[in-house]
N, C-alpha and C. Protein backbone atom coordinates (compact mmCIF):
# COMPACT_ATOMS: atom_id res chain seq x y z
N UNK A 1 252.91 39.03 171.89
CA UNK A 1 251.94 38.28 172.64
C UNK A 1 251.37 39.15 173.75
N UNK A 2 250.12 38.87 174.06
CA UNK A 2 249.46 39.58 175.15
C UNK A 2 249.87 38.98 176.48
N UNK A 3 249.90 39.82 177.50
CA UNK A 3 250.28 39.36 178.84
C UNK A 3 249.29 38.34 179.36
N UNK A 4 247.99 38.60 179.15
CA UNK A 4 246.97 37.71 179.67
C UNK A 4 246.91 36.37 178.93
N UNK A 5 247.53 36.29 177.76
CA UNK A 5 247.48 35.04 177.02
C UNK A 5 248.31 33.94 177.69
N UNK A 6 249.19 34.31 178.63
CA UNK A 6 249.97 33.31 179.35
C UNK A 6 249.15 32.65 180.47
N UNK A 7 248.03 33.26 180.85
CA UNK A 7 247.18 32.70 181.90
C UNK A 7 246.18 31.72 181.31
N UNK A 8 245.94 30.62 181.96
CA UNK A 8 244.93 29.67 181.47
C UNK A 8 243.55 30.32 181.48
N UNK A 9 242.73 29.93 180.52
CA UNK A 9 241.39 30.54 180.43
C UNK A 9 240.54 30.20 181.65
N UNK A 10 240.74 29.03 182.22
CA UNK A 10 239.99 28.67 183.43
C UNK A 10 240.28 29.62 184.57
N UNK A 11 241.57 30.01 184.70
CA UNK A 11 241.95 30.95 185.75
C UNK A 11 241.36 32.33 185.48
N UNK A 12 241.36 32.74 184.22
CA UNK A 12 240.74 34.03 183.87
C UNK A 12 239.24 34.01 184.17
N UNK A 13 238.59 32.89 183.85
CA UNK A 13 237.16 32.78 184.11
C UNK A 13 236.87 32.90 185.59
N UNK A 14 237.68 32.22 186.42
CA UNK A 14 237.50 32.32 187.86
C UNK A 14 237.74 33.74 188.36
N UNK A 15 238.74 34.40 187.80
CA UNK A 15 239.03 35.78 188.19
C UNK A 15 237.84 36.68 187.89
N UNK A 16 237.30 36.58 186.68
CA UNK A 16 236.18 37.44 186.31
C UNK A 16 234.93 37.08 187.11
N UNK A 17 234.73 35.79 187.39
CA UNK A 17 233.58 35.39 188.20
C UNK A 17 233.71 35.98 189.60
N UNK A 18 234.90 35.92 190.18
CA UNK A 18 235.13 36.47 191.51
C UNK A 18 234.96 38.00 191.50
N UNK A 19 235.44 38.63 190.44
CA UNK A 19 235.35 40.08 190.32
C UNK A 19 233.90 40.53 190.22
N UNK A 20 233.06 39.76 189.53
CA UNK A 20 231.67 40.15 189.32
C UNK A 20 230.72 39.58 190.37
N UNK A 21 231.25 38.83 191.34
CA UNK A 21 230.40 38.23 192.36
C UNK A 21 229.60 39.25 193.16
N UNK A 22 230.13 40.41 193.51
CA UNK A 22 229.31 41.37 194.26
C UNK A 22 228.04 41.79 193.54
N UNK A 23 228.01 41.71 192.22
CA UNK A 23 226.79 42.06 191.48
C UNK A 23 225.68 41.08 191.80
N UNK A 24 226.04 39.81 192.03
CA UNK A 24 225.04 38.77 192.28
C UNK A 24 224.59 38.72 193.74
N UNK A 25 225.25 39.46 194.62
CA UNK A 25 224.90 39.42 196.03
C UNK A 25 223.55 40.09 196.25
N UNK A 26 222.66 39.40 196.91
CA UNK A 26 221.32 39.94 197.16
C UNK A 26 221.16 40.21 198.65
N UNK A 27 220.83 41.41 198.99
CA UNK A 27 220.58 41.75 200.39
C UNK A 27 219.21 41.25 200.79
N UNK A 28 219.11 40.68 201.96
CA UNK A 28 217.80 40.26 202.45
C UNK A 28 217.58 40.91 203.81
N UNK A 29 216.35 41.24 204.06
CA UNK A 29 215.96 41.89 205.30
C UNK A 29 214.81 41.08 205.87
N UNK A 30 215.00 40.49 207.03
CA UNK A 30 213.96 39.66 207.65
C UNK A 30 214.11 39.81 209.16
N UNK A 31 213.14 40.42 209.80
CA UNK A 31 213.20 40.68 211.24
C UNK A 31 211.93 40.15 211.89
N UNK A 32 212.09 39.36 212.95
CA UNK A 32 210.96 38.87 213.72
C UNK A 32 210.67 39.90 214.81
N UNK A 33 209.49 40.53 214.74
CA UNK A 33 209.12 41.58 215.69
C UNK A 33 208.60 41.00 217.01
N UNK A 34 207.74 39.98 216.90
CA UNK A 34 207.20 39.33 218.09
C UNK A 34 207.39 37.83 217.95
N UNK A 35 207.85 37.15 218.91
CA UNK A 35 208.15 37.59 220.27
C UNK A 35 209.46 38.38 220.34
N UNK A 36 209.46 39.42 221.13
CA UNK A 36 210.65 40.22 221.34
C UNK A 36 211.49 39.67 222.48
N UNK A 37 212.61 40.31 222.71
CA UNK A 37 213.51 39.87 223.78
C UNK A 37 212.81 39.96 225.13
N UNK A 38 212.85 38.86 225.87
CA UNK A 38 212.26 38.83 227.19
C UNK A 38 210.75 38.65 227.21
N UNK A 39 210.14 38.43 226.03
CA UNK A 39 208.69 38.22 226.00
C UNK A 39 208.33 36.92 226.72
N UNK A 40 207.11 36.87 227.23
CA UNK A 40 206.67 35.65 227.91
C UNK A 40 205.33 35.22 227.32
N UNK A 41 205.35 34.01 226.75
CA UNK A 41 204.14 33.41 226.22
C UNK A 41 203.52 32.52 227.28
N UNK A 42 202.22 32.24 227.10
CA UNK A 42 201.49 31.40 228.05
C UNK A 42 200.92 30.16 227.37
N UNK A 43 201.02 29.03 228.05
CA UNK A 43 200.30 27.84 227.61
C UNK A 43 198.81 28.10 227.81
N UNK A 44 197.99 27.54 226.94
CA UNK A 44 196.55 27.74 227.03
C UNK A 44 196.10 29.09 226.54
N UNK A 45 196.95 29.78 225.78
CA UNK A 45 196.60 31.10 225.26
C UNK A 45 197.12 31.23 223.83
N UNK A 46 196.55 32.19 223.10
CA UNK A 46 197.00 32.49 221.74
C UNK A 46 198.10 33.53 221.82
N UNK A 47 199.24 33.24 221.22
CA UNK A 47 200.41 34.12 221.26
C UNK A 47 200.76 34.53 219.83
N UNK A 48 200.98 35.83 219.59
CA UNK A 48 201.22 36.29 218.21
C UNK A 48 202.70 36.18 217.79
N UNK A 49 202.88 35.89 216.51
CA UNK A 49 204.20 35.96 215.86
C UNK A 49 204.05 36.98 214.75
N UNK A 50 204.90 38.00 214.73
CA UNK A 50 204.86 38.99 213.65
C UNK A 50 206.26 39.20 213.11
N UNK A 51 206.35 39.58 211.83
CA UNK A 51 207.65 39.80 211.20
C UNK A 51 207.55 40.85 210.11
N UNK A 52 208.71 41.38 209.75
CA UNK A 52 208.86 42.34 208.67
C UNK A 52 209.97 41.84 207.78
N UNK A 53 209.78 41.93 206.47
CA UNK A 53 210.80 41.43 205.54
C UNK A 53 210.86 42.31 204.30
N UNK A 54 211.91 42.12 203.52
CA UNK A 54 212.08 42.84 202.27
C UNK A 54 211.07 42.37 201.23
N UNK A 55 210.69 43.28 200.35
CA UNK A 55 209.69 42.94 199.33
C UNK A 55 210.27 42.13 198.18
N UNK A 56 211.42 42.48 197.69
CA UNK A 56 211.96 41.85 196.48
C UNK A 56 213.05 40.84 196.81
N UNK A 57 212.88 40.09 197.91
CA UNK A 57 213.91 39.14 198.31
C UNK A 57 213.67 37.74 197.76
N UNK A 58 212.56 37.53 197.07
CA UNK A 58 212.27 36.22 196.49
C UNK A 58 211.76 35.20 197.49
N UNK A 59 211.51 35.60 198.72
CA UNK A 59 210.99 34.68 199.73
C UNK A 59 209.47 34.81 199.73
N UNK A 60 208.79 33.76 199.27
CA UNK A 60 207.33 33.79 199.20
C UNK A 60 206.67 32.99 200.31
N UNK A 61 207.44 32.08 200.92
CA UNK A 61 206.90 31.30 202.04
C UNK A 61 208.06 30.88 202.94
N UNK A 62 207.75 30.66 204.21
CA UNK A 62 208.76 30.24 205.19
C UNK A 62 208.21 29.08 206.02
N UNK A 63 209.12 28.34 206.61
CA UNK A 63 208.76 27.30 207.57
C UNK A 63 209.15 27.83 208.95
N UNK A 64 208.30 27.61 209.94
CA UNK A 64 208.55 28.14 211.28
C UNK A 64 208.71 26.97 212.25
N UNK A 65 209.79 27.02 213.03
CA UNK A 65 210.08 25.99 214.02
C UNK A 65 210.38 26.65 215.36
N UNK A 66 210.10 25.93 216.44
CA UNK A 66 210.36 26.40 217.79
C UNK A 66 211.51 25.58 218.36
N UNK A 67 212.56 26.27 218.80
CA UNK A 67 213.75 25.59 219.34
C UNK A 67 213.96 26.00 220.78
N UNK A 68 214.58 25.10 221.54
CA UNK A 68 214.90 25.39 222.93
C UNK A 68 216.37 25.05 223.15
N UNK A 69 217.09 25.95 223.85
CA UNK A 69 218.53 25.76 224.03
C UNK A 69 218.87 24.59 224.94
N UNK A 70 218.08 24.38 226.01
CA UNK A 70 218.46 23.38 227.00
C UNK A 70 218.06 21.96 226.62
N UNK A 71 217.33 21.80 225.52
CA UNK A 71 216.91 20.47 225.10
C UNK A 71 217.15 20.30 223.61
N UNK A 72 217.45 19.06 223.23
CA UNK A 72 217.58 18.76 221.81
C UNK A 72 216.20 18.66 221.20
N UNK A 73 216.13 18.91 219.93
CA UNK A 73 214.87 18.74 219.22
C UNK A 73 214.18 20.05 218.91
N UNK A 74 213.26 19.96 217.98
CA UNK A 74 212.50 21.12 217.53
C UNK A 74 211.02 20.79 217.60
N UNK A 75 210.22 21.82 217.72
CA UNK A 75 208.78 21.68 217.57
C UNK A 75 208.44 22.34 216.23
N UNK A 76 207.93 21.53 215.32
CA UNK A 76 207.62 22.01 213.98
C UNK A 76 206.26 22.69 214.00
N UNK A 77 206.24 23.99 213.76
CA UNK A 77 205.00 24.77 213.88
C UNK A 77 204.22 24.78 212.58
N UNK A 78 204.78 25.38 211.54
CA UNK A 78 204.03 25.53 210.29
C UNK A 78 204.97 25.51 209.09
N UNK A 79 204.51 24.92 208.02
CA UNK A 79 205.27 24.82 206.78
C UNK A 79 204.58 25.66 205.71
N UNK A 80 205.38 26.30 204.87
CA UNK A 80 204.88 27.12 203.75
C UNK A 80 203.97 28.25 204.20
N UNK A 81 204.36 28.93 205.28
CA UNK A 81 203.60 30.10 205.74
C UNK A 81 203.78 31.21 204.72
N UNK A 82 202.69 31.79 204.21
CA UNK A 82 202.83 32.85 203.20
C UNK A 82 203.64 34.02 203.73
N UNK A 83 204.61 34.45 202.94
CA UNK A 83 205.47 35.57 203.35
C UNK A 83 205.77 36.47 202.16
N UNK A 84 204.79 36.65 201.28
CA UNK A 84 205.05 37.45 200.08
C UNK A 84 204.90 38.94 200.30
N UNK A 85 204.28 39.35 201.41
CA UNK A 85 204.15 40.78 201.69
C UNK A 85 205.24 41.21 202.67
N UNK A 86 205.38 42.51 202.86
CA UNK A 86 206.47 43.01 203.70
C UNK A 86 206.24 42.76 205.19
N UNK A 87 204.98 42.59 205.61
CA UNK A 87 204.71 42.26 207.01
C UNK A 87 203.85 41.01 207.05
N UNK A 88 204.04 40.22 208.09
CA UNK A 88 203.27 39.00 208.21
C UNK A 88 202.99 38.69 209.66
N UNK A 89 202.02 37.81 209.86
CA UNK A 89 201.66 37.44 211.23
C UNK A 89 201.07 36.04 211.24
N UNK A 90 201.21 35.41 212.38
CA UNK A 90 200.66 34.09 212.63
C UNK A 90 200.38 34.00 214.12
N UNK A 91 199.24 33.44 214.49
CA UNK A 91 198.92 33.24 215.90
C UNK A 91 199.24 31.80 216.27
N UNK A 92 199.75 31.61 217.48
CA UNK A 92 200.16 30.29 217.93
C UNK A 92 199.48 29.97 219.25
N UNK A 93 198.68 28.91 219.26
CA UNK A 93 198.02 28.46 220.48
C UNK A 93 198.87 27.35 221.08
N UNK A 94 199.30 27.53 222.34
CA UNK A 94 200.19 26.57 222.99
C UNK A 94 199.40 25.66 223.93
N UNK A 95 199.66 24.35 223.83
CA UNK A 95 199.06 23.37 224.72
C UNK A 95 200.16 22.49 225.28
N UNK A 96 200.37 22.52 226.57
CA UNK A 96 201.31 21.63 227.25
C UNK A 96 202.73 21.70 226.70
N UNK A 97 203.17 22.89 226.31
CA UNK A 97 204.57 23.08 225.91
C UNK A 97 205.37 23.24 227.21
N UNK A 98 206.49 22.53 227.37
CA UNK A 98 207.26 22.64 228.62
C UNK A 98 207.67 24.10 228.90
N UNK A 99 207.47 24.51 230.14
CA UNK A 99 207.82 25.88 230.53
C UNK A 99 209.34 26.05 230.50
N UNK A 100 209.78 27.23 230.13
CA UNK A 100 211.21 27.53 230.08
C UNK A 100 211.45 28.93 229.59
N UNK A 101 212.67 29.42 229.78
CA UNK A 101 213.00 30.79 229.34
C UNK A 101 214.07 30.81 228.28
N UNK A 102 214.21 29.72 227.53
CA UNK A 102 215.28 29.63 226.53
C UNK A 102 214.74 29.17 225.17
N UNK A 103 213.62 29.75 224.76
CA UNK A 103 213.01 29.40 223.48
C UNK A 103 213.38 30.41 222.40
N UNK A 104 213.43 29.93 221.15
CA UNK A 104 213.69 30.76 219.97
C UNK A 104 212.77 30.29 218.85
N UNK A 105 212.33 31.20 218.01
CA UNK A 105 211.63 30.84 216.79
C UNK A 105 212.62 30.88 215.64
N UNK A 106 212.54 29.91 214.74
CA UNK A 106 213.41 29.86 213.57
C UNK A 106 212.55 29.98 212.32
N UNK A 107 212.90 30.91 211.46
CA UNK A 107 212.23 31.08 210.17
C UNK A 107 213.20 30.59 209.11
N UNK A 108 212.83 29.57 208.36
CA UNK A 108 213.76 28.96 207.42
C UNK A 108 213.03 28.29 206.29
N UNK A 109 213.82 27.85 205.33
CA UNK A 109 213.35 26.97 204.27
C UNK A 109 213.88 25.59 204.66
N UNK A 110 213.03 24.75 205.22
CA UNK A 110 213.50 23.47 205.74
C UNK A 110 213.90 22.50 204.63
N UNK A 111 213.44 22.73 203.42
CA UNK A 111 213.82 21.86 202.30
C UNK A 111 215.29 22.05 201.96
N UNK A 112 215.72 23.30 201.87
CA UNK A 112 217.10 23.60 201.49
C UNK A 112 218.00 23.91 202.68
N UNK A 113 217.42 24.01 203.87
CA UNK A 113 218.21 24.33 205.06
C UNK A 113 218.67 25.76 205.12
N UNK A 114 217.94 26.66 204.48
CA UNK A 114 218.31 28.08 204.43
C UNK A 114 217.60 28.84 205.54
N UNK A 115 218.38 29.44 206.45
CA UNK A 115 217.82 30.19 207.58
C UNK A 115 217.60 31.64 207.17
N UNK A 116 216.37 32.14 207.37
CA UNK A 116 216.06 33.53 207.07
C UNK A 116 216.22 34.42 208.30
N UNK A 117 215.74 33.94 209.45
CA UNK A 117 215.82 34.76 210.67
C UNK A 117 215.57 33.89 211.88
N UNK A 118 216.00 34.38 213.03
CA UNK A 118 215.66 33.75 214.31
C UNK A 118 215.21 34.85 215.26
N UNK A 119 214.31 34.49 216.16
CA UNK A 119 213.78 35.50 217.08
C UNK A 119 214.75 35.73 218.23
N UNK A 120 214.42 36.72 219.03
CA UNK A 120 215.12 36.94 220.28
C UNK A 120 214.70 35.83 221.25
N UNK A 121 215.48 35.65 222.29
CA UNK A 121 215.16 34.64 223.31
C UNK A 121 213.90 35.06 224.07
N UNK A 122 212.99 34.11 224.28
CA UNK A 122 211.77 34.41 225.01
C UNK A 122 211.40 33.23 225.90
N UNK A 123 210.38 33.42 226.74
CA UNK A 123 209.98 32.41 227.72
C UNK A 123 208.58 31.91 227.42
N UNK A 124 208.32 30.69 227.86
CA UNK A 124 206.97 30.12 227.81
C UNK A 124 206.63 29.69 229.23
N UNK A 125 205.49 30.19 229.73
CA UNK A 125 205.07 29.89 231.10
C UNK A 125 203.96 28.85 231.09
N UNK A 126 203.81 28.16 232.21
CA UNK A 126 202.75 27.16 232.36
C UNK A 126 201.39 27.85 232.38
N UNK A 127 200.37 27.11 231.98
CA UNK A 127 199.01 27.66 232.00
C UNK A 127 198.62 28.00 233.44
N UNK A 128 197.96 29.13 233.59
CA UNK A 128 197.50 29.54 234.92
C UNK A 128 198.58 30.17 235.78
N UNK A 129 199.74 30.46 235.21
CA UNK A 129 200.82 31.09 235.96
C UNK A 129 200.46 32.55 236.20
N UNK A 130 200.18 32.91 237.43
CA UNK A 130 199.74 34.27 237.73
C UNK A 130 200.85 35.30 237.60
N UNK A 131 202.10 34.88 237.73
CA UNK A 131 203.21 35.83 237.62
C UNK A 131 203.53 36.18 236.17
N UNK A 132 202.98 35.42 235.22
CA UNK A 132 203.28 35.67 233.81
C UNK A 132 202.53 36.87 233.26
N UNK A 133 201.49 37.29 233.94
CA UNK A 133 200.72 38.43 233.46
C UNK A 133 199.74 38.00 232.38
N UNK A 134 199.15 38.98 231.72
CA UNK A 134 198.18 38.66 230.68
C UNK A 134 198.90 38.35 229.37
N UNK A 135 198.34 37.45 228.58
CA UNK A 135 198.99 37.10 227.31
C UNK A 135 198.89 38.27 226.33
N UNK A 136 199.83 38.36 225.39
CA UNK A 136 199.75 39.42 224.39
C UNK A 136 198.52 39.24 223.50
N UNK A 137 198.05 40.32 222.92
CA UNK A 137 196.86 40.27 222.06
C UNK A 137 197.19 39.52 220.77
N UNK A 138 196.30 38.65 220.32
CA UNK A 138 196.54 37.94 219.06
C UNK A 138 196.60 38.91 217.89
N UNK A 139 197.31 38.50 216.84
CA UNK A 139 197.40 39.31 215.63
C UNK A 139 196.08 39.24 214.88
N UNK A 140 195.50 40.38 214.60
CA UNK A 140 194.19 40.44 213.95
C UNK A 140 194.28 39.91 212.52
N UNK A 141 193.34 39.05 212.17
CA UNK A 141 193.25 38.54 210.80
C UNK A 141 194.26 37.47 210.44
N UNK A 142 195.10 37.07 211.37
CA UNK A 142 196.13 36.06 211.09
C UNK A 142 195.60 34.67 211.43
N UNK A 143 196.01 33.65 210.68
CA UNK A 143 195.59 32.29 211.02
C UNK A 143 196.20 31.83 212.34
N UNK A 144 195.55 30.85 212.98
CA UNK A 144 196.02 30.33 214.26
C UNK A 144 196.43 28.87 214.09
N UNK A 145 197.61 28.55 214.63
CA UNK A 145 198.14 27.19 214.60
C UNK A 145 198.25 26.71 216.04
N UNK A 146 197.88 25.46 216.29
CA UNK A 146 197.96 24.87 217.63
C UNK A 146 199.10 23.87 217.69
N UNK A 147 199.97 24.01 218.70
CA UNK A 147 201.04 23.03 218.92
C UNK A 147 200.95 22.53 220.35
N UNK A 148 201.42 21.30 220.56
CA UNK A 148 201.37 20.74 221.91
C UNK A 148 202.52 19.77 222.12
N UNK A 149 202.89 19.61 223.39
CA UNK A 149 203.89 18.62 223.77
C UNK A 149 205.31 19.09 223.60
N UNK A 150 206.21 18.21 224.03
CA UNK A 150 207.65 18.47 223.95
C UNK A 150 208.15 18.19 222.54
N UNK A 151 209.40 18.57 222.23
CA UNK A 151 209.96 18.26 220.91
C UNK A 151 209.92 16.77 220.62
N UNK A 152 209.56 16.44 219.39
CA UNK A 152 209.46 15.06 218.95
C UNK A 152 210.12 14.94 217.59
N UNK A 153 211.23 14.19 217.47
CA UNK A 153 211.94 14.12 216.19
C UNK A 153 211.15 13.44 215.08
N UNK A 154 210.12 12.67 215.43
CA UNK A 154 209.34 11.99 214.39
C UNK A 154 208.08 12.76 214.03
N UNK A 155 207.83 13.89 214.68
CA UNK A 155 206.63 14.68 214.40
C UNK A 155 206.77 15.42 213.07
N UNK A 156 205.64 15.78 212.51
CA UNK A 156 205.61 16.59 211.29
C UNK A 156 205.15 17.98 211.68
N UNK A 157 205.11 18.88 210.71
CA UNK A 157 204.64 20.24 210.99
C UNK A 157 203.18 20.19 211.44
N UNK A 158 202.85 21.01 212.44
CA UNK A 158 201.49 21.05 212.97
C UNK A 158 200.51 21.49 211.89
N UNK A 159 200.93 22.40 211.02
CA UNK A 159 200.08 22.90 209.94
C UNK A 159 200.94 23.08 208.70
N UNK A 160 200.37 22.72 207.56
CA UNK A 160 201.01 23.00 206.28
C UNK A 160 200.07 23.86 205.47
N UNK A 161 200.52 25.04 205.10
CA UNK A 161 199.71 25.95 204.30
C UNK A 161 199.77 25.52 202.83
N UNK A 162 198.77 25.93 202.04
CA UNK A 162 198.83 25.59 200.61
C UNK A 162 200.09 26.16 199.99
N UNK A 163 200.67 25.46 199.03
CA UNK A 163 201.92 25.96 198.43
C UNK A 163 201.71 27.29 197.72
N UNK A 164 202.72 28.14 197.84
CA UNK A 164 202.68 29.41 197.12
C UNK A 164 203.31 29.21 195.76
N UNK A 165 203.17 30.19 194.90
CA UNK A 165 203.67 30.05 193.53
C UNK A 165 205.18 29.83 193.51
N UNK A 166 205.95 30.69 194.18
CA UNK A 166 207.41 30.58 194.21
C UNK A 166 208.02 30.39 192.83
N UNK A 167 207.33 30.84 191.79
CA UNK A 167 207.85 30.71 190.44
C UNK A 167 207.59 29.36 189.82
N UNK A 168 207.01 28.42 190.54
CA UNK A 168 206.75 27.09 190.00
C UNK A 168 205.45 27.11 189.21
N UNK A 169 205.46 26.52 188.06
CA UNK A 169 204.26 26.44 187.24
C UNK A 169 203.89 27.77 186.61
N UNK A 170 204.78 28.74 186.68
CA UNK A 170 204.53 30.05 186.08
C UNK A 170 205.28 30.14 184.76
N UNK A 171 204.91 31.08 183.91
CA UNK A 171 205.68 31.25 182.67
C UNK A 171 207.15 31.50 182.98
N UNK A 172 208.00 31.21 182.03
CA UNK A 172 209.44 31.28 182.25
C UNK A 172 209.90 32.64 182.75
N UNK A 173 209.34 33.71 182.26
CA UNK A 173 209.80 35.03 182.70
C UNK A 173 209.40 35.30 184.15
N UNK A 174 208.32 34.66 184.64
CA UNK A 174 207.93 34.83 186.04
C UNK A 174 208.90 34.12 186.98
N UNK A 175 209.51 33.03 186.49
CA UNK A 175 210.42 32.26 187.33
C UNK A 175 211.68 33.04 187.67
N UNK A 176 212.08 33.99 186.84
CA UNK A 176 213.30 34.76 187.08
C UNK A 176 212.99 36.21 187.45
N UNK A 177 211.73 36.48 187.75
CA UNK A 177 211.34 37.84 188.12
C UNK A 177 212.07 38.25 189.40
N UNK A 178 212.65 39.43 189.41
CA UNK A 178 213.36 39.92 190.58
C UNK A 178 214.80 39.44 190.67
N UNK A 179 215.28 38.72 189.66
CA UNK A 179 216.65 38.20 189.70
C UNK A 179 217.53 38.89 188.66
N UNK A 180 217.26 40.14 188.39
CA UNK A 180 218.00 40.83 187.33
C UNK A 180 219.49 40.95 187.64
N UNK A 181 219.85 41.17 188.90
CA UNK A 181 221.28 41.30 189.25
C UNK A 181 222.00 39.97 189.06
N UNK A 182 221.34 38.87 189.44
CA UNK A 182 221.95 37.56 189.28
C UNK A 182 222.09 37.21 187.80
N UNK A 183 221.07 37.54 187.00
CA UNK A 183 221.14 37.27 185.56
C UNK A 183 222.23 38.11 184.91
N UNK A 184 222.36 39.37 185.35
CA UNK A 184 223.42 40.22 184.82
C UNK A 184 224.79 39.66 185.15
N UNK A 185 224.97 39.19 186.39
CA UNK A 185 226.26 38.62 186.79
C UNK A 185 226.56 37.36 186.00
N UNK A 186 225.56 36.48 185.84
CA UNK A 186 225.77 35.25 185.08
C UNK A 186 226.09 35.54 183.62
N UNK A 187 225.36 36.48 183.02
CA UNK A 187 225.64 36.86 181.63
C UNK A 187 227.01 37.48 181.48
N UNK A 188 227.43 38.31 182.44
CA UNK A 188 228.75 38.93 182.38
C UNK A 188 229.86 37.89 182.47
N UNK A 189 229.69 36.90 183.34
CA UNK A 189 230.70 35.85 183.47
C UNK A 189 230.79 35.05 182.18
N UNK A 190 229.64 34.77 181.57
CA UNK A 190 229.66 34.01 180.31
C UNK A 190 230.35 34.79 179.21
N UNK A 191 230.07 36.09 179.13
CA UNK A 191 230.73 36.93 178.12
C UNK A 191 232.23 36.98 178.35
N UNK A 192 232.65 37.11 179.62
CA UNK A 192 234.08 37.13 179.93
C UNK A 192 234.75 35.81 179.59
N UNK A 193 234.07 34.70 179.78
CA UNK A 193 234.63 33.40 179.41
C UNK A 193 234.84 33.31 177.91
N UNK A 194 233.85 33.77 177.15
CA UNK A 194 233.97 33.74 175.69
C UNK A 194 235.10 34.66 175.24
N UNK A 195 235.17 35.85 175.82
CA UNK A 195 236.24 36.79 175.46
C UNK A 195 237.62 36.23 175.85
N UNK A 196 237.71 35.57 177.01
CA UNK A 196 238.97 34.98 177.42
C UNK A 196 239.39 33.87 176.47
N UNK A 197 238.43 33.06 176.03
CA UNK A 197 238.74 31.99 175.08
C UNK A 197 239.16 32.56 173.73
N UNK A 198 238.45 33.60 173.27
CA UNK A 198 238.81 34.22 171.99
C UNK A 198 240.18 34.87 172.08
N UNK A 199 240.49 35.50 173.19
CA UNK A 199 241.77 36.15 173.38
C UNK A 199 242.92 35.11 173.34
N UNK A 200 242.66 33.95 173.91
CA UNK A 200 243.68 32.90 173.93
C UNK A 200 243.94 32.40 172.51
N UNK A 201 242.89 32.23 171.72
CA UNK A 201 243.02 31.72 170.36
C UNK A 201 243.71 32.73 169.47
N UNK A 202 243.42 33.99 169.68
CA UNK A 202 244.04 35.03 168.85
C UNK A 202 245.43 35.27 169.35
């Protein structure tokens, strides 16, 4: 008798799945460039958001939210912001956002609750604040979204961009494009399960 034949096939399958799990691990790279640490945005001005991300990470769109540490709630900025290229930008016009120095931007998939990145801590100053200096230059060619008021749990996203493909409605091979490592891992686990079952029977 073989030594491995004493082990249940379910345990062997779990072992091989665990062993091949690193093949399915996908590295993602997503960095929010602006606002940077210590940046100060102004109410009544256009403030740029810029980011850099990996090309083959499968992220085609993101949802952007504004969070504040000292208060509960979020300000929903934009949904389905296109993010299929390695660099992206969005301009944000602020109206009557409460001043504070504990704001963060969150880049996520709000449908699945998957967080891609968060910005460094930055401040928002009241309109006409002379100590805040001049506002940063808007990102050229980027769309502008306007948000206003304090966090409101019943509010919706200020802007929703048209849906991106994200593999939906595309031919079957397009839906799995860029997932070769995951498909290899899944196929390897299936082969190991079949081999473990055959080994048990023999």
